[in-house]
Structure formats: C-alpha cells, structure tokens
Amino acid sequence: MKSFRIITLGCKVNQCESEALGGALREADWWPAPEGWPAGLCIINTCAVTGKAAMQSRQAIRQAIRANPRACIVATGCYAQIESEALRKIGGIDLIVGHGDKHRIAMMVDAHLKEAPRDECSGTDFEPDAHEPEAHIPEVHVRDVMQVRQFNQFPAAPNGDRTRPFLKIQDGCDAFCTYCIVPHARGRSRSMPLPEVLAAIGRLKARGFREVVLSGIHMGCYGRDLELRTDLLELLRRIDDAAIIDRVRLSSIEPLEMTPEVIDLLAASDRFCPHFHIPLQSGDNGVLRRMGRPYTRELFEEVVSGIHEKIPDATIGVDVLIGFPGESEAAFSNTYDTVDQLPVSYLHVFPFSPRKGTPAAGYADPVPTEVVKARCRRIRALGSAKRKAFYRHFLGRIVDVLVENERDGETGLLKGVSSNYLTVLLEGDDALRNRIVRVCVERVGSGRLAFGRQIDGPPAC
C-alpha cells in the first residue's frame, strides 16, 4: 500500500522539510494515510536540540514502529544525523537518513522497497528495541554534514492543508552557541540562490497560495555563502520589487541581523507581514557571553524599540532560555525586566536542557531543576499577560486576515491569521477560505484568540 505518514518533531524548518517531503511523495504516487490507519511508509523527522527532544525522537520512532507494523520506517532529521549509531540499535528501522540526503528520501524509499519486498521489511519481524542488528541492518545514509556546502532544495510542492506554506531558503548555522547542537547536526550556513527563491515563491503563487513563510536555521546569514554573494536585505528588496505573492512572513531572525536598513525596508512595504520573532535567550550580559551570543541586552533593546517605533502594530515574539548554568536570581531578573519593559507581544520559554556534545553541557553551577521550573512559570505568566494586552490593543480595529482552510475545531467558525499574527475567528461560508479579508476585532477570548466580523469597507466597528 503506497500510503505514507510523516511525524515531525522540532523546529519550523523541520516542518517545512516535512511538507516538502510529503509533496515529493505525492508526486511519486504515494498518498497520505488516513488518520488512525497504519501506513505503508512512516517517516519520523527527528529533533536533537535538547536531551529531552532526543528522547522524544526515540519515543516517536518506537511508537511509529508499533502503530505501523508493516511499514517501511525511515528516521531522518537532526537526531538521525548525529546519533545514527544509537538508532541502529532500535530494531525495526529500515532507513536512517541524514541531512545531506534528506531531500532524496522519496527516491531512496522507492529503491529500498524494490530491493526489500514489504513482507520482508523490518516491521513485520521485529519488535522495538529487538537489538538484532545481525538479522536486520538498516540502511544508513549519513554523511559528514560539515562537508556539505550546497543548499539542497526541496520541491516547492507542500503536502497537506496549510494555507501558509513554509519555504526554506537557508540551512545550517555558523554561530556555534555554547548550548546548541544544531551547527553540528545541520552543518555550515548555505543558501538557496536568489533567482531560485523568486522562482519557488512564484510556483507557490501559481498553486493559489496567498502567503509564504520564509524559513531557515540562521536566516539572517542568507546569501553570504553564495558565489554571487548577496544578503538578506537584497533578497527582501528583490521579493518586494517582484511583487510575486500577496504576503511574505519571516521566521526567526537574530538581533544583529535586524539592521536599521532591514527594518526600514519592512516598514515601507505592504508585502511583508509586520511580525518578527527575535531570540533574546537572556537579558543578562554575563549569561549572554557564556552562551556565546554576539550581542548585549542593550543592543537587543535598541532593535526591538526600533521595530516598534517604525512599525507600531508589529507583533514581536521573543525566545528566552531559562536556567542556563550560572544564571543567578539577579541574572534571571535582568531577563524578566528586559521582557517586561519592552513592547514584546509573546514569549517562547525554554528551560535549559544540557545537550551532549556542546560546551554548556559541562559547565559548572547548574541551576536546580525546581528553581528553573519556578522561573519558567514566572516568565510564562509575564508572556501570557503580554499577549493578552497586545490582543486587547486591537479591539475595535480592522485587520487583514488570511482565512485558513480548516475551521476552528471547537466553535466551527472560520479561522484565520492577520498579517501581524493575530489568530482571528469569524463567521462566514467556505467561499472565504484562502482569501484575505478585512475583519473588525470585536472581542478577545482567553488564550490567544480574537473574534471579529468581516467588513466590506473601512468603517470602524
């Protein structure tokens, strides 16, 4: 049965790659397995950013083997790249594919199945953790990702019901922060050539998409590796001038790469969504230095304040990493106060988790687990209050909402996303799906929802 299922852990780049893998499989005459039914092919796109993420990746693989007993099982992603030997010990995996060959999985599965008929595949004979490598040895396709210099392009043919597809334009990272394994898993920064980015956006537009989300591991480094050297600012200029698609949203960008020139360009354009996600990690300069982060609290404050000044209605999301070794109460207070004083719209809060293979895993002065949990609760409460205040700021105001393909599961209302990343529910028929409509925000619900009604013109509510 040529049915497939993709299980994705981790970041938006993994989500982007899973969507592209699904599109490639569909083009190869595979089809998504119905919910609740076993699949003939199961791909687990793993994560290894923390020790917990690595554990969850192993759990997801074992669960997939149990739930899809006759499937060809493929493990890929960051955990597959850096821990392929550990995965070889999990009985039931057919293919282990690193980042250097991830874009070729559809072809590799086809070749594997021709050599190993389905009734001989691992899932029929092995229980998870059977530890019988002599009886079943998975194919391992894991190269030294540090030697990969070319951007491996996935087809811009996303699979699934997303209204706002991701487009990966950059991969890898050269930063080597002391807590992060990603450069070792993804390799050096490499970029999709600029003409290919424009062509990929054009293909998405031709398929009827109204918005594209540009993504990358370290997107602010875009273009520095290309033979025809360019940069993120030039890419954004070219996208704006080409006017290929209605809306372009940017995924996470480092503080140093949100330059005044980039901010000015984004502020002057109606094409780019006023939504920015900027990792802070810590508001304490001492902790930032130990993390290997190349900026200070003061620079971060300048960047966020600059965005707010030029684009007052912009949503500004921030990552914080709590409990880094040596984080004192005063250092945590600096982080809390930084977030509290800035026009931040929402937070992503991560407790520090030591990752084997990174310098920080061996740092002295670990923060006690209970202290980390308490600090996370405090700053998450601040993030929740920030989000609610930001949503309330738009009561009675008009926002442009891209209506998604699926309705809200609880209310049955249409659901959409404003250009500045408000989730908005509204009444309407299915003809509004995948359309950008003007909506007046009438009510803010608990959590992260706004309720509104479609309007035809510019009057206020």
Protein backbone atom coordinates (compact mmCIF):
# COMPACT_ATOMS: atom_id res chain seq x y z
CA MET A 1 0.00 0.00 0.00
CA LYS A 2 1.59 3.29 -1.08
CA SER A 3 0.33 5.25 1.90
CA PHE A 4 2.64 7.41 3.99
CA ARG A 5 2.71 9.22 7.29
CA ILE A 6 5.24 11.85 8.38
CA ILE A 7 5.80 12.52 12.08
CA THR A 8 7.60 15.80 12.73
CA LEU A 9 9.39 16.95 15.85
CA GLY A 10 11.18 20.21 16.45
CA CYS A 11 11.50 23.48 14.61
CA LYS A 12 9.70 25.17 11.74
CA VAL A 13 12.48 24.18 9.35
CA ASN A 14 11.70 20.54 10.13
CA GLN A 15 8.02 21.30 9.48
CA CYS A 16 8.96 22.93 6.20
CA GLU A 17 11.03 19.92 5.14
CA SER A 18 8.27 17.51 6.14
CA GLU A 19 5.78 19.41 3.99
CA ALA A 20 8.18 19.26 1.07
CA LEU A 21 8.81 15.53 1.64
CA GLY A 22 5.08 14.97 1.58
CA GLY A 23 4.83 16.84 -1.70
CA ALA A 24 7.65 14.78 -3.22
CA LEU A 25 5.99 11.54 -2.08
CA ARG A 26 2.68 12.57 -3.63
CA GLU A 27 4.44 13.26 -6.90
CA ALA A 28 5.83 9.70 -6.63
CA ASP A 29 2.25 8.34 -6.34
CA TRP A 30 2.17 7.92 -2.57
CA TRP A 31 -0.84 9.21 -0.65
CA PRO A 32 -1.30 10.28 2.99
CA ALA A 33 -2.55 7.50 5.26
CA PRO A 34 -5.96 8.23 6.82
CA GLU A 35 -5.95 9.14 10.50
CA GLY A 36 -5.99 6.03 12.64
CA TRP A 37 -4.90 3.69 9.85
CA PRO A 38 -1.43 2.15 9.60
CA ALA A 39 0.78 3.42 6.79
CA GLY A 40 2.98 1.61 4.30
CA LEU A 41 5.72 4.21 4.81
CA CYS A 42 6.38 6.12 8.02
CA ILE A 43 8.97 8.92 8.17
CA ILE A 44 10.00 10.32 11.54
CA ASN A 45 11.64 13.73 11.17
CA THR A 46 13.56 13.95 14.42
CA CYS A 47 14.94 16.72 16.61
CA ALA A 48 18.04 16.81 18.83
CA VAL A 49 18.14 20.39 20.07
CA THR A 50 17.91 19.23 23.70
CA GLY A 51 18.32 15.97 25.56
CA LYS A 52 14.54 15.87 26.01
CA ALA A 53 13.99 16.35 22.26
CA ALA A 54 16.35 13.42 21.56
CA MET A 55 14.38 11.23 23.98
CA GLN A 56 11.09 12.27 22.35
CA SER A 57 12.53 11.41 18.95
CA ARG A 58 13.39 7.88 20.09
CA GLN A 59 9.92 7.51 21.60
CA ALA A 60 8.27 8.70 18.38
CA ILE A 61 10.23 6.14 16.35
CA ARG A 62 9.26 3.26 18.64
CA GLN A 63 5.61 4.35 18.64
CA ALA A 64 5.64 4.56 14.84
CA ILE A 65 7.05 1.03 14.56
CA ARG A 66 4.31 -0.31 16.86
CA ALA A 67 1.50 1.61 15.17
CA ASN A 68 2.60 0.78 11.60
CA PRO A 69 3.75 -2.85 11.84
CA ARG A 70 4.12 -3.45 8.09
CA ALA A 71 5.59 -0.05 7.25
CA CYS A 72 8.93 0.91 5.85
CA ILE A 73 10.32 3.03 8.71
CA VAL A 74 12.58 5.99 7.91
CA ALA A 75 14.34 8.05 10.59
CA THR A 76 15.68 11.40 9.45
CA GLY A 77 16.36 14.85 10.87
CA CYS A 78 18.86 16.12 13.42
CA TYR A 79 18.82 13.13 15.77
CA ALA A 80 19.35 10.78 12.83
CA GLN A 81 22.27 12.92 11.72
CA ILE A 82 24.20 12.99 14.98
CA GLU A 83 23.05 9.74 16.66
CA SER A 84 22.79 7.25 13.80
CA GLU A 85 24.62 4.58 15.82
CA ALA A 86 22.05 4.81 18.61
CA LEU A 87 19.26 4.46 16.06
CA ARG A 88 20.83 1.33 14.58
CA LYS A 89 20.08 -0.38 17.89
CA ILE A 90 16.34 0.20 17.58
CA GLY A 91 15.08 -2.86 15.77
CA GLY A 92 12.57 -2.01 13.09
CA ILE A 93 14.13 0.94 11.26
CA ASP A 94 14.71 0.45 7.54
CA LEU A 95 16.47 3.69 6.58
CA ILE A 96 18.44 6.24 8.59
CA VAL A 97 18.92 9.38 6.50
CA GLY A 98 20.97 12.43 7.48
CA HIS A 99 20.56 16.00 6.32
CA GLY A 100 22.90 15.55 3.37
CA ASP A 101 20.41 13.20 1.68
CA LYS A 102 17.12 14.20 3.28
CA HIS A 103 15.86 15.77 0.06
CA ARG A 104 16.28 12.40 -1.72
CA ILE A 105 14.14 10.32 0.66
CA ALA A 106 11.32 9.73 -1.83
CA MET A 107 13.77 8.21 -4.35
CA MET A 108 15.66 6.30 -1.67
CA VAL A 109 12.47 4.67 -0.34
CA ASP A 110 11.48 3.59 -3.83
CA ALA A 111 14.90 1.99 -4.39
CA HIS A 112 14.83 0.32 -0.96
CA LEU A 113 11.41 -1.21 -1.50
CA LYS A 114 12.45 -2.66 -4.83
CA GLU A 115 15.26 -4.48 -3.06
CA ALA A 116 13.29 -5.45 0.08
CA PRO A 117 9.70 -6.55 -0.60
CA ARG A 118 7.23 -5.42 2.02
CA ASP A 119 6.75 -8.84 3.61
CA GLU A 120 10.49 -8.91 4.34
CA CYS A 121 10.68 -5.45 5.83
CA SER A 122 11.62 -4.84 9.41
CA GLY A 123 8.23 -4.01 10.80
CA THR A 124 6.79 -7.48 10.26
CA ASP A 125 9.50 -9.37 12.13
CA PHE A 126 10.93 -7.08 14.81
CA GLU A 127 9.68 -5.55 17.99
CA PRO A 128 11.06 -2.14 19.00
CA ASP A 129 14.48 -2.43 20.61
CA ALA A 130 14.84 -6.00 19.41
CA HIS A 131 18.63 -5.39 19.25
CA GLU A 132 19.20 -7.86 16.43
CA PRO A 133 21.39 -5.86 14.04
CA GLU A 134 22.87 -9.02 12.63
CA ALA A 135 19.42 -10.07 11.41
CA HIS A 136 18.27 -6.68 10.22
CA ILE A 137 20.70 -3.88 9.47
CA PRO A 138 19.11 -0.58 8.46
CA GLU A 139 20.47 1.31 5.51
CA VAL A 140 22.40 4.29 6.87
CA HIS A 141 22.82 7.35 4.66
CA VAL A 142 24.57 9.82 6.95
CA ARG A 143 27.36 11.98 5.57
CA ASP A 144 29.65 14.46 7.32
CA VAL A 145 27.29 17.39 7.18
CA MET A 146 30.15 19.82 7.83
CA GLN A 147 31.41 18.98 4.34
CA VAL A 148 28.07 19.82 2.70
CA ARG A 149 28.38 23.18 1.01
CA GLN A 150 25.47 23.15 -1.43
CA PHE A 151 21.92 24.07 -0.48
CA ASN A 152 19.72 21.03 -1.07
CA GLN A 153 16.46 22.31 -2.45
CA PHE A 154 13.20 20.59 -1.64
CA PRO A 155 10.46 20.91 -4.23
CA ALA A 156 8.11 23.82 -3.54
CA ALA A 157 5.15 21.47 -3.53
CA PRO A 158 3.94 21.34 0.08
CA ASN A 159 1.71 18.49 1.16
CA GLY A 160 -1.27 18.95 3.45
CA ASP A 161 -3.81 21.64 4.22
CA ARG A 162 -1.60 24.52 5.29
CA THR A 163 -2.77 27.86 3.92
CA ARG A 164 0.59 29.50 4.61
CA PRO A 165 3.36 27.18 3.40
CA PHE A 166 6.94 27.38 4.61
CA LEU A 167 9.73 27.90 2.12
CA LYS A 168 13.21 27.02 3.39
CA ILE A 169 15.71 29.44 1.87
CA GLN A 170 18.69 28.77 4.14
CA ASP A 171 20.11 25.84 6.10
CA GLY A 172 22.89 25.36 8.64
CA CYS A 173 24.46 27.72 11.17
CA ASP A 174 27.92 29.18 11.77
CA ALA A 175 27.21 30.62 15.22
CA PHE A 176 28.12 27.67 17.50
CA CYS A 177 26.40 28.99 20.63
CA THR A 178 27.69 27.06 23.62
CA TYR A 179 24.37 25.34 24.37
CA CYS A 180 23.38 24.45 20.81
CA ILE A 181 23.98 21.22 18.86
CA VAL A 182 22.31 22.49 15.68
CA PRO A 183 25.50 23.54 13.79
CA HIS A 184 26.85 20.01 14.33
CA ALA A 185 23.57 18.50 13.10
CA ARG A 186 22.89 20.88 10.20
CA GLY A 187 26.36 21.94 9.13
CA ARG A 188 27.56 25.30 7.86
CA SER A 189 25.27 28.02 6.58
CA ARG A 190 24.21 27.59 2.95
CA SER A 191 21.59 29.41 0.94
CA MET A 192 19.16 28.88 -1.90
CA PRO A 193 20.32 31.09 -4.81
CA LEU A 194 18.27 34.25 -5.07
CA PRO A 195 16.73 33.53 -8.51
CA GLU A 196 15.60 30.12 -7.21
CA VAL A 197 13.93 31.76 -4.20
CA LEU A 198 11.93 34.02 -6.50
CA ALA A 199 11.03 31.07 -8.74
CA ALA A 200 9.91 28.97 -5.76
CA ILE A 201 7.68 31.78 -4.48
CA GLY A 202 6.24 32.06 -7.99
CA ARG A 203 5.38 28.36 -8.02
CA LEU A 204 3.58 28.69 -4.71
CA LYS A 205 1.62 31.67 -6.03
CA ALA A 206 0.69 29.67 -9.15
CA ARG A 207 -0.74 26.97 -6.89
CA GLY A 208 -3.05 29.52 -5.29
CA PHE A 209 -1.20 30.40 -2.10
CA ARG A 210 -1.53 33.95 -0.81
CA GLU A 211 1.26 33.89 1.78
CA VAL A 212 4.64 32.24 2.13
CA VAL A 213 6.70 31.94 5.31
CA LEU A 214 10.42 32.24 4.63
CA SER A 215 12.37 30.00 6.98
CA GLY A 216 15.91 28.96 7.76
CA ILE A 217 18.12 27.79 10.57
CA HIS A 218 20.04 31.10 10.61
CA MET A 219 18.12 33.09 8.04
CA GLY A 220 19.95 36.34 8.71
CA CYS A 221 23.08 34.75 7.20
CA TYR A 222 21.28 34.32 3.88
CA GLY A 223 23.48 34.77 0.81
CA ARG A 224 26.88 35.06 2.47
CA ASP A 225 27.93 31.65 1.17
CA LEU A 226 26.78 32.08 -2.44
CA GLU A 227 29.20 32.51 -5.32
CA LEU A 228 27.25 35.60 -6.31
CA ARG A 229 27.39 36.96 -2.78
CA THR A 230 24.27 38.71 -1.53
CA ASP A 231 22.46 39.21 1.77
CA LEU A 232 19.05 39.16 3.40
CA LEU A 233 18.42 42.83 2.70
CA GLU A 234 18.94 42.36 -1.04
CA LEU A 235 16.72 39.28 -1.05
CA LEU A 236 13.91 41.17 0.66
CA ARG A 237 14.28 44.06 -1.80
CA ARG A 238 14.05 41.71 -4.77
CA ILE A 239 10.99 39.93 -3.33
CA ASP A 240 9.29 43.26 -2.71
CA ASP A 241 10.09 44.58 -6.19
CA ALA A 242 8.97 41.37 -7.90
CA ALA A 243 5.54 41.54 -6.20
CA ILE A 244 5.05 37.82 -6.78
CA ILE A 245 2.77 36.96 -3.87
CA ASP A 246 0.39 38.85 -1.60
CA ARG A 247 2.10 38.32 1.74
CA VAL A 248 5.56 37.28 2.90
CA ARG A 249 6.25 36.38 6.52
CA LEU A 250 9.69 35.96 8.04
CA SER A 251 10.56 33.30 10.57
CA SER A 252 13.09 33.84 13.36
CA ILE A 253 15.87 36.39 12.77
CA GLU A 254 18.80 37.11 15.09
CA PRO A 255 19.00 40.59 16.70
CA LEU A 256 22.19 41.63 14.87
CA GLU A 257 20.59 40.85 11.53
CA MET A 258 17.55 43.09 12.14
CA THR A 259 19.56 46.06 10.91
CA PRO A 260 18.09 49.56 10.56
CA GLU A 261 18.12 49.06 6.77
CA VAL A 262 16.11 45.82 7.04
CA ILE A 263 13.64 47.44 9.44
CA ASP A 264 13.20 50.45 7.14
CA LEU A 265 12.53 48.20 4.14
CA LEU A 266 9.97 46.12 6.01
CA ALA A 267 8.28 49.22 7.43
CA ALA A 268 7.91 50.77 3.94
CA SER A 269 6.42 47.66 2.32
CA ASP A 270 2.84 46.37 2.43
CA ARG A 271 4.02 42.94 1.28
CA PHE A 272 5.93 41.87 4.37
CA CYS A 273 3.93 40.86 7.42
CA PRO A 274 4.61 43.04 10.48
CA HIS A 275 5.52 40.00 12.56
CA PHE A 276 9.01 39.39 13.88
CA HIS A 277 10.45 36.62 16.03
CA ILE A 278 13.76 37.60 17.61
CA PRO A 279 15.62 35.34 20.06
CA LEU A 280 16.78 37.07 23.24
CA GLN A 281 17.70 33.94 25.25
CA SER A 282 18.87 36.03 28.22
CA GLY A 283 18.63 39.64 29.30
CA ASP A 284 21.80 39.36 31.34
CA ASN A 285 25.05 40.28 29.60
CA GLY A 286 27.13 37.83 31.62
CA VAL A 287 24.87 34.93 30.69
CA LEU A 288 24.83 36.06 27.06
CA ARG A 289 28.64 35.94 26.99
CA ARG A 290 28.68 32.40 28.43
CA MET A 291 26.08 31.39 25.87
CA GLY A 292 28.30 32.70 23.07
CA ARG A 293 25.60 35.12 21.93
CA PRO A 294 27.18 38.02 19.97
CA TYR A 295 25.08 40.91 21.34
CA THR A 296 24.20 42.65 24.57
CA ARG A 297 20.95 43.35 26.36
CA GLU A 298 21.29 46.99 25.31
CA LEU A 299 21.58 46.12 21.62
CA PHE A 300 18.54 43.85 21.84
CA GLU A 301 16.53 46.64 23.46
CA GLU A 302 17.61 49.01 20.68
CA VAL A 303 16.48 46.58 17.96
CA VAL A 304 13.06 45.89 19.49
CA SER A 305 12.46 49.57 20.24
CA GLY A 306 13.47 50.43 16.67
CA ILE A 307 10.95 47.99 15.23
CA HIS A 308 8.20 49.30 17.50
CA GLU A 309 8.97 52.90 16.55
CA LYS A 310 8.87 52.24 12.80
CA ILE A 311 6.05 49.62 12.85
CA PRO A 312 3.90 50.31 15.94
CA ASP A 313 1.41 47.47 15.30
CA ALA A 314 4.07 44.84 14.68
CA THR A 315 3.94 41.62 16.63
CA ILE A 316 7.31 40.94 18.26
CA GLY A 317 7.87 37.44 19.59
CA VAL A 318 10.88 36.57 21.73
CA ASP A 319 12.68 33.35 22.74
CA VAL A 320 14.11 33.08 26.25
CA LEU A 321 16.27 30.26 27.61
CA ILE A 322 15.87 29.91 31.37
CA GLY A 323 18.23 28.18 33.80
CA PHE A 324 21.49 28.39 31.87
CA PRO A 325 24.39 27.28 34.12
CA GLY A 326 25.38 30.11 36.42
CA GLU A 327 22.12 32.04 35.97
CA SER A 328 21.71 33.78 39.32
CA GLU A 329 18.50 35.30 40.62
CA ALA A 330 19.84 38.70 39.59
CA ALA A 331 20.59 37.42 36.08
CA PHE A 332 17.08 35.99 35.78
CA SER A 333 15.65 39.30 37.00
CA ASN A 334 17.54 41.06 34.21
CA THR A 335 15.84 38.78 31.69
CA TYR A 336 12.44 39.29 33.28
CA ASP A 337 12.85 43.06 33.41
CA THR A 338 14.08 43.24 29.81
CA VAL A 339 10.96 41.45 28.56
CA ASP A 340 8.69 43.42 30.90
CA GLN A 341 9.94 46.81 29.76
CA LEU A 342 9.95 46.14 26.01
CA PRO A 343 6.96 46.08 23.59
CA VAL A 344 7.09 42.30 23.36
CA SER A 345 3.90 40.58 22.13
CA TYR A 346 4.52 36.97 23.14
CA LEU A 347 7.21 34.66 24.51
CA HIS A 348 8.57 31.22 23.76
CA VAL A 349 10.09 29.97 27.00
CA PHE A 350 12.57 27.09 27.07
CA PRO A 351 14.15 25.58 30.19
CA PHE A 352 17.85 24.86 29.74
CA SER A 353 18.50 21.22 28.92
CA PRO A 354 22.15 20.12 28.72
CA ARG A 355 22.93 18.67 25.31
CA LYS A 356 25.76 16.17 25.00
CA GLY A 357 28.37 17.46 22.58
CA THR A 358 28.02 21.14 23.49
CA PRO A 359 30.34 23.12 25.80
CA ALA A 360 27.50 24.16 28.09
CA ALA A 361 26.74 20.53 28.94
CA GLY A 362 29.86 20.54 31.12
CA TYR A 363 29.52 24.00 32.64
CA ALA A 364 29.66 24.35 36.41
CA ASP A 365 26.96 25.92 38.60
CA PRO A 366 23.87 24.18 37.20
CA VAL A 367 20.61 25.78 38.28
CA PRO A 368 18.47 23.42 40.40
CA THR A 369 15.54 21.93 38.47
CA GLU A 370 12.91 23.33 40.84
CA VAL A 371 14.40 26.80 40.52
CA VAL A 372 14.32 26.54 36.71
CA LYS A 373 10.67 25.43 36.80
CA ALA A 374 9.72 28.30 39.11
CA ARG A 375 11.47 30.85 36.90
CA CYS A 376 9.80 29.42 33.80
CA ARG A 377 6.39 29.76 35.47
CA ARG A 378 7.08 33.39 36.34
CA ILE A 379 8.22 34.44 32.91
CA ARG A 380 5.50 32.43 31.14
CA ALA A 381 2.93 34.31 33.20
CA LEU A 382 4.54 37.55 32.02
CA GLY A 383 4.40 36.31 28.43
CA SER A 384 0.72 35.44 28.78
CA ALA A 385 -0.06 38.91 30.15
CA LYS A 386 1.92 40.50 27.30
CA ARG A 387 0.00 38.50 24.71
CA LYS A 388 -3.40 39.38 26.19
CA ALA A 389 -2.52 43.07 26.34
CA PHE A 390 -1.36 43.00 22.73
CA TYR A 391 -4.60 41.36 21.56
CA ARG A 392 -6.71 43.86 23.53
CA HIS A 393 -4.88 46.69 21.77
CA PHE A 394 -6.73 45.70 18.57
CA LEU A 395 -10.28 45.75 19.96
CA GLY A 396 -12.43 47.81 17.61
CA ARG A 397 -9.73 47.91 14.98
CA ILE A 398 -9.55 46.46 11.47
CA VAL A 399 -7.02 43.81 10.50
CA ASP A 400 -6.39 41.93 7.26
CA VAL A 401 -6.92 38.21 7.84
CA LEU A 402 -5.92 35.30 5.62
CA VAL A 403 -8.68 32.73 6.17
CA GLU A 404 -7.31 29.23 6.56
CA ASN A 405 -8.62 26.03 5.00
CA GLU A 406 -9.77 24.40 8.23
CA ARG A 407 -12.39 25.78 10.60
CA ASP A 408 -11.84 26.08 14.33
CA GLY A 409 -12.48 22.68 15.88
CA GLU A 410 -14.35 23.97 18.95
CA THR A 411 -16.56 26.73 17.54
CA GLY A 412 -16.93 25.74 13.89
CA LEU A 413 -16.06 29.32 12.95
CA LEU A 414 -13.70 30.25 10.17
CA LYS A 415 -10.16 30.74 11.44
CA GLY A 416 -7.51 32.99 10.02
CA VAL A 417 -4.26 34.80 10.75
CA SER A 418 -3.81 38.54 10.49
CA SER A 419 -0.73 39.99 8.88
CA ASN A 420 0.64 40.70 12.37
CA TYR A 421 -0.08 37.16 13.57
CA LEU A 422 -3.34 37.51 15.49
CA THR A 423 -5.43 34.34 15.36
CA VAL A 424 -8.94 35.53 14.46
CA LEU A 425 -12.24 33.60 14.39
CA LEU A 426 -15.15 34.89 12.31
CA GLU A 427 -18.44 33.79 10.81
CA GLY A 428 -18.65 33.13 7.10
CA ASP A 429 -19.10 30.48 4.45
CA ASP A 430 -16.40 28.31 2.93
CA ALA A 431 -16.01 30.64 -0.06
CA LEU A 432 -13.82 32.83 2.18
CA ARG A 433 -11.19 30.13 2.58
CA ASN A 434 -7.75 31.15 1.32
CA ARG A 435 -8.88 34.73 0.89
CA ILE A 436 -7.53 37.84 2.60
CA VAL A 437 -10.48 39.66 4.16
CA ARG A 438 -10.89 42.75 6.29
CA VAL A 439 -12.05 41.92 9.78
CA CYS A 440 -13.10 44.18 12.65
CA VAL A 441 -11.95 42.75 16.01
CA GLU A 442 -14.95 42.74 18.36
CA ARG A 443 -13.84 40.52 21.23
CA VAL A 444 -10.72 38.95 22.67
CA GLY A 445 -11.08 35.48 24.11
CA SER A 446 -8.99 33.72 26.68
CA GLY A 447 -5.67 32.40 25.49
CA ARG A 448 -4.61 33.53 22.04
CA LEU A 449 -7.82 34.16 20.10
CA ALA A 450 -9.68 37.20 18.79
CA PHE A 451 -13.24 37.21 17.46
CA GLY A 452 -14.32 39.51 14.67
CA ARG A 453 -16.62 40.08 11.74
CA GLN A 454 -15.87 40.62 8.10
CA ILE A 455 -16.41 44.14 6.77
CA ASP A 456 -16.55 45.37 3.20
CA GLY A 457 -15.12 48.81 3.70
CA PRO A 458 -13.06 50.95 6.03
CA PRO A 459 -15.62 51.98 8.71
CA ALA A 460 -14.85 51.21 12.35
CA CYS A 461 -16.90 48.71 14.34
